[in-house]
């Protein structure tokens, strides 16, 4: 009985730690959407963790079943449309000025 309670408590602590250590993605999505203009439409927004070994094609795997992988770096892939190349360039410049590449890395 005590082992069951201990195991449950360990799972709850691990879940709380994972929530506390992960970024608030609503801030990133708010930044991405606030920099949109009337002539830019996003079609896709894809966020993926980058493996600490540098191999972004293969997700990191925990070494034990109860271990969680916490990522330090992510790749954000946006695709969409604009009425002009200038609209795309201006959107990218607004994203760069927002500091997202440093704050969200």
N, C-alpha and C. Protein backbone atom coordinates (compact mmCIF):
# COMPACT_ATOMS: atom_id res chain seq x y z
N UNK A 1 0.82 -1.19 0.00
CA UNK A 1 0.00 0.00 0.00
C UNK A 1 0.87 1.26 0.00
N UNK A 2 1.91 1.25 0.81
CA UNK A 2 2.81 2.40 0.89
C UNK A 2 3.56 2.60 -0.42
N UNK A 3 3.95 1.49 -1.09
CA UNK A 3 4.65 1.59 -2.36
C UNK A 3 3.75 2.17 -3.45
N UNK A 4 2.48 1.83 -3.42
CA UNK A 4 1.53 2.37 -4.39
C UNK A 4 1.38 3.87 -4.18
N UNK A 5 1.26 4.29 -2.93
CA UNK A 5 1.15 5.71 -2.62
C UNK A 5 2.41 6.46 -3.01
N UNK A 6 3.56 5.86 -2.77
CA UNK A 6 4.83 6.48 -3.13
C UNK A 6 4.96 6.60 -4.65
N UNK A 7 4.56 5.58 -5.36
CA UNK A 7 4.62 5.62 -6.82
C UNK A 7 3.69 6.70 -7.38
N UNK A 8 2.51 6.81 -6.82
CA UNK A 8 1.55 7.83 -7.26
C UNK A 8 2.08 9.24 -6.97
N UNK A 9 2.65 9.40 -5.78
CA UNK A 9 3.22 10.70 -5.42
C UNK A 9 4.38 11.06 -6.35
N UNK A 10 5.19 10.09 -6.70
CA UNK A 10 6.31 10.32 -7.62
C UNK A 10 5.80 10.75 -8.99
N UNK A 11 4.73 10.13 -9.47
CA UNK A 11 4.14 10.51 -10.76
C UNK A 11 3.59 11.93 -10.71
N UNK A 12 2.95 12.27 -9.62
CA UNK A 12 2.40 13.63 -9.49
C UNK A 12 3.50 14.67 -9.43
N UNK A 13 4.58 14.36 -8.74
CA UNK A 13 5.72 15.29 -8.67
C UNK A 13 6.35 15.45 -10.05
N UNK A 14 6.51 14.36 -10.76
CA UNK A 14 7.09 14.43 -12.10
C UNK A 14 6.21 15.25 -13.04
N UNK A 15 4.90 15.08 -12.94
CA UNK A 15 3.98 15.85 -13.79
C UNK A 15 4.04 17.33 -13.44
N UNK A 16 4.08 17.65 -12.17
CA UNK A 16 4.17 19.05 -11.74
C UNK A 16 5.48 19.68 -12.19
N UNK A 17 6.56 18.94 -12.09
CA UNK A 17 7.87 19.44 -12.52
C UNK A 17 7.88 19.69 -14.03
N UNK A 18 7.29 18.77 -14.79
CA UNK A 18 7.25 18.94 -16.25
C UNK A 18 6.46 20.18 -16.63
N UNK A 19 5.36 20.42 -15.95
CA UNK A 19 4.56 21.62 -16.22
C UNK A 19 5.31 22.89 -15.85
N UNK A 20 6.00 22.85 -14.73
CA UNK A 20 6.71 24.04 -14.25
C UNK A 20 7.92 24.37 -15.12
N UNK A 21 8.55 23.37 -15.70
CA UNK A 21 9.78 23.59 -16.46
C UNK A 21 9.54 23.84 -17.94
N UNK A 22 8.32 23.67 -18.40
CA UNK A 22 8.04 23.90 -19.82
C UNK A 22 7.64 25.35 -20.05
N UNK A 23 7.98 25.86 -21.21
CA UNK A 23 7.63 27.25 -21.53
C UNK A 23 6.13 27.45 -21.67
N UNK A 24 5.71 28.68 -21.57
CA UNK A 24 4.32 29.04 -21.78
C UNK A 24 4.14 29.32 -23.27
N UNK A 25 3.63 28.35 -24.01
CA UNK A 25 3.53 28.46 -25.46
C UNK A 25 2.53 29.52 -25.89
N UNK A 26 1.63 29.92 -25.01
CA UNK A 26 0.68 30.97 -25.37
C UNK A 26 1.40 32.29 -25.65
N UNK A 27 2.53 32.52 -24.98
CA UNK A 27 3.31 33.73 -25.24
C UNK A 27 3.89 33.71 -26.65
N UNK A 28 4.40 32.57 -27.06
CA UNK A 28 4.94 32.43 -28.42
C UNK A 28 3.85 32.61 -29.46
N UNK A 29 2.72 31.95 -29.26
CA UNK A 29 1.62 32.07 -30.23
C UNK A 29 1.08 33.49 -30.28
N UNK A 30 1.05 34.16 -29.14
CA UNK A 30 0.63 35.56 -29.11
C UNK A 30 1.57 36.44 -29.91
N UNK A 31 2.88 36.19 -29.78
CA UNK A 31 3.87 36.96 -30.54
C UNK A 31 3.71 36.73 -32.04
N UNK A 32 3.56 35.46 -32.41
CA UNK A 32 3.43 35.12 -33.83
C UNK A 32 2.18 35.77 -34.43
N UNK A 33 1.08 35.73 -33.70
CA UNK A 33 -0.17 36.28 -34.24
C UNK A 33 -0.22 37.79 -34.18
N UNK A 34 0.41 38.39 -33.18
CA UNK A 34 0.34 39.86 -33.08
C UNK A 34 1.16 40.54 -34.16
N UNK A 35 2.13 39.86 -34.73
CA UNK A 35 2.95 40.44 -35.79
C UNK A 35 2.33 40.26 -37.17
N UNK A 36 1.19 39.59 -37.26
CA UNK A 36 0.51 39.43 -38.56
C UNK A 36 -0.09 40.76 -38.99
N UNK A 37 -0.19 40.94 -40.30
CA UNK A 37 -0.85 42.13 -40.84
C UNK A 37 -2.00 41.66 -41.74
N UNK A 38 -2.71 42.60 -42.31
CA UNK A 38 -3.86 42.26 -43.15
C UNK A 38 -3.49 41.49 -44.40
N UNK A 39 -2.24 41.60 -44.86
CA UNK A 39 -1.87 40.92 -46.09
C UNK A 39 -1.08 39.63 -45.87
N UNK A 40 -0.97 39.18 -44.63
CA UNK A 40 -0.25 37.93 -44.33
C UNK A 40 -1.21 36.95 -43.66
N UNK A 41 -1.24 35.73 -44.19
CA UNK A 41 -2.09 34.67 -43.63
C UNK A 41 -1.21 33.46 -43.35
N UNK A 42 -1.25 32.97 -42.12
CA UNK A 42 -0.51 31.75 -41.80
C UNK A 42 -1.34 30.53 -42.14
N UNK A 43 -0.69 29.59 -42.78
CA UNK A 43 -1.36 28.34 -43.14
C UNK A 43 -1.01 27.24 -42.13
N UNK A 44 0.22 27.30 -41.63
CA UNK A 44 0.69 26.22 -40.74
C UNK A 44 1.67 26.80 -39.74
N UNK A 45 1.60 26.29 -38.52
CA UNK A 45 2.52 26.64 -37.45
C UNK A 45 2.92 25.32 -36.79
N UNK A 46 4.20 24.97 -36.90
CA UNK A 46 4.67 23.68 -36.40
C UNK A 46 5.83 23.92 -35.44
N UNK A 47 5.73 23.42 -34.23
CA UNK A 47 6.76 23.55 -33.22
C UNK A 47 7.27 22.16 -32.87
N UNK A 48 8.60 21.98 -32.94
CA UNK A 48 9.17 20.67 -32.66
C UNK A 48 10.41 20.83 -31.78
N UNK A 49 10.59 19.92 -30.83
CA UNK A 49 11.80 19.98 -30.00
C UNK A 49 13.02 19.55 -30.81
N UNK A 50 14.16 20.16 -30.48
CA UNK A 50 15.42 19.78 -31.10
C UNK A 50 16.15 18.89 -30.11
N UNK A 51 16.55 17.73 -30.57
CA UNK A 51 17.28 16.79 -29.72
C UNK A 51 18.57 17.44 -29.25
N UNK A 52 18.94 17.20 -28.00
CA UNK A 52 20.14 17.81 -27.44
C UNK A 52 21.39 17.38 -28.19
N UNK A 53 21.35 16.24 -28.88
CA UNK A 53 22.49 15.80 -29.67
C UNK A 53 22.57 16.53 -30.99
N UNK A 54 21.58 17.37 -31.28
CA UNK A 54 21.61 18.15 -32.51
C UNK A 54 20.89 17.50 -33.67
N UNK A 55 20.32 16.32 -33.48
CA UNK A 55 19.62 15.62 -34.54
C UNK A 55 18.13 15.91 -34.42
N UNK A 56 17.64 16.93 -35.15
CA UNK A 56 16.25 17.34 -35.01
C UNK A 56 15.29 16.39 -35.73
N UNK A 57 15.80 15.48 -36.56
CA UNK A 57 14.93 14.53 -37.25
C UNK A 57 14.48 13.39 -36.35
N UNK A 58 15.21 13.18 -35.27
CA UNK A 58 14.90 12.08 -34.38
C UNK A 58 14.61 12.63 -32.99
N UNK A 59 13.39 12.43 -32.48
CA UNK A 59 13.09 12.95 -31.14
C UNK A 59 13.90 12.23 -30.08
N UNK A 60 14.24 12.97 -29.04
CA UNK A 60 14.99 12.38 -27.93
C UNK A 60 14.13 11.37 -27.20
N UNK A 61 14.75 10.32 -26.73
CA UNK A 61 14.04 9.26 -26.02
C UNK A 61 14.56 9.18 -24.59
N UNK A 62 13.66 9.01 -23.62
CA UNK A 62 14.12 8.83 -22.25
C UNK A 62 14.85 7.50 -22.10
N UNK A 63 15.76 7.43 -21.13
CA UNK A 63 16.51 6.19 -20.93
C UNK A 63 15.77 5.22 -20.03
N UNK A 64 14.84 5.73 -19.20
CA UNK A 64 14.02 4.88 -18.34
C UNK A 64 12.56 5.17 -18.62
N UNK A 65 11.66 4.21 -18.38
CA UNK A 65 10.24 4.44 -18.66
C UNK A 65 9.62 5.58 -17.87
N UNK A 66 10.10 5.82 -16.64
CA UNK A 66 9.51 6.87 -15.81
C UNK A 66 10.21 8.22 -16.00
N UNK A 67 11.22 8.27 -16.86
CA UNK A 67 11.98 9.50 -17.07
C UNK A 67 11.32 10.33 -18.17
N UNK A 68 11.30 11.65 -17.99
CA UNK A 68 10.76 12.54 -19.00
C UNK A 68 11.90 13.28 -19.67
N UNK A 69 11.73 13.56 -20.95
CA UNK A 69 12.72 14.32 -21.69
C UNK A 69 12.30 15.78 -21.67
N UNK A 70 13.16 16.65 -21.14
CA UNK A 70 12.90 18.08 -21.14
C UNK A 70 13.80 18.71 -22.19
N UNK A 71 13.20 19.41 -23.10
CA UNK A 71 13.93 20.01 -24.20
C UNK A 71 14.35 21.43 -23.86
N UNK A 72 15.48 21.84 -24.36
CA UNK A 72 15.97 23.19 -24.15
C UNK A 72 15.81 24.05 -25.40
N UNK A 73 15.72 23.41 -26.57
CA UNK A 73 15.62 24.15 -27.83
C UNK A 73 14.49 23.59 -28.67
N UNK A 74 13.88 24.49 -29.43
CA UNK A 74 12.76 24.12 -30.29
C UNK A 74 12.93 24.79 -31.65
N UNK A 75 12.32 24.21 -32.65
CA UNK A 75 12.29 24.79 -33.98
C UNK A 75 10.85 25.17 -34.29
N UNK A 76 10.65 26.41 -34.72
CA UNK A 76 9.33 26.90 -35.10
C UNK A 76 9.31 27.04 -36.61
N UNK A 77 8.38 26.36 -37.25
CA UNK A 77 8.25 26.39 -38.70
C UNK A 77 6.90 27.01 -39.05
N UNK A 78 6.94 28.17 -39.68
CA UNK A 78 5.72 28.87 -40.09
C UNK A 78 5.64 28.87 -41.61
N UNK A 79 4.46 28.66 -42.13
CA UNK A 79 4.26 28.81 -43.57
C UNK A 79 2.92 29.48 -43.80
N UNK A 80 2.85 30.24 -44.87
CA UNK A 80 1.63 30.96 -45.16
C UNK A 80 1.72 31.71 -46.46
N UNK A 81 0.88 32.70 -46.60
CA UNK A 81 0.76 33.46 -47.84
C UNK A 81 0.75 34.95 -47.55
N UNK A 82 1.14 35.70 -48.58
CA UNK A 82 1.04 37.14 -48.53
C UNK A 82 0.75 37.64 -49.94
N UNK A 83 0.20 38.83 -50.01
CA UNK A 83 -0.10 39.41 -51.33
C UNK A 83 1.17 39.79 -52.06
N UNK A 84 2.26 39.97 -51.31
CA UNK A 84 3.51 40.39 -51.94
C UNK A 84 4.69 39.85 -51.16
N UNK A 85 5.84 39.84 -51.83
CA UNK A 85 7.08 39.45 -51.15
C UNK A 85 7.43 40.45 -50.06
N UNK A 86 7.08 41.70 -50.27
CA UNK A 86 7.31 42.73 -49.27
C UNK A 86 6.56 42.42 -47.98
N UNK A 87 5.33 41.93 -48.09
CA UNK A 87 4.55 41.57 -46.91
C UNK A 87 5.22 40.47 -46.12
N UNK A 88 5.79 39.48 -46.82
CA UNK A 88 6.50 38.38 -46.15
C UNK A 88 7.73 38.94 -45.44
N UNK A 89 8.49 39.77 -46.14
CA UNK A 89 9.71 40.33 -45.56
C UNK A 89 9.40 41.18 -44.33
N UNK A 90 8.36 41.98 -44.41
CA UNK A 90 8.00 42.82 -43.27
C UNK A 90 7.56 41.98 -42.07
N UNK A 91 6.83 40.90 -42.33
CA UNK A 91 6.41 40.01 -41.23
C UNK A 91 7.62 39.38 -40.55
N UNK A 92 8.56 38.90 -41.35
CA UNK A 92 9.76 38.29 -40.79
C UNK A 92 10.56 39.31 -40.00
N UNK A 93 10.67 40.52 -40.51
CA UNK A 93 11.38 41.58 -39.78
C UNK A 93 10.69 41.90 -38.46
N UNK A 94 9.36 41.92 -38.45
CA UNK A 94 8.64 42.18 -37.20
C UNK A 94 8.89 41.06 -36.19
N UNK A 95 8.94 39.82 -36.66
CA UNK A 95 9.25 38.71 -35.76
C UNK A 95 10.66 38.83 -35.20
N UNK A 96 11.60 39.18 -36.06
CA UNK A 96 12.98 39.33 -35.59
C UNK A 96 13.11 40.45 -34.57
N UNK A 97 12.42 41.56 -34.79
CA UNK A 97 12.47 42.69 -33.85
C UNK A 97 11.81 42.35 -32.51
N UNK A 98 10.87 41.43 -32.53
CA UNK A 98 10.19 41.06 -31.29
C UNK A 98 11.10 40.31 -30.33
N UNK A 99 12.23 39.81 -30.83
CA UNK A 99 13.15 39.07 -29.98
C UNK A 99 12.77 37.63 -29.79
N UNK A 100 11.84 37.13 -30.56
CA UNK A 100 11.36 35.76 -30.40
C UNK A 100 12.49 34.75 -30.62
N UNK A 101 13.40 35.02 -31.53
CA UNK A 101 14.46 34.06 -31.79
C UNK A 101 15.35 33.89 -30.57
N UNK A 102 15.50 34.93 -29.75
CA UNK A 102 16.31 34.81 -28.54
C UNK A 102 15.47 34.35 -27.37
N UNK A 103 14.29 34.91 -27.21
CA UNK A 103 13.45 34.60 -26.03
C UNK A 103 12.87 33.20 -26.11
N UNK A 104 12.64 32.72 -27.31
CA UNK A 104 11.95 31.44 -27.45
C UNK A 104 12.91 30.30 -27.74
N UNK A 105 14.19 30.59 -27.86
CA UNK A 105 15.15 29.54 -28.21
C UNK A 105 15.46 28.67 -27.01
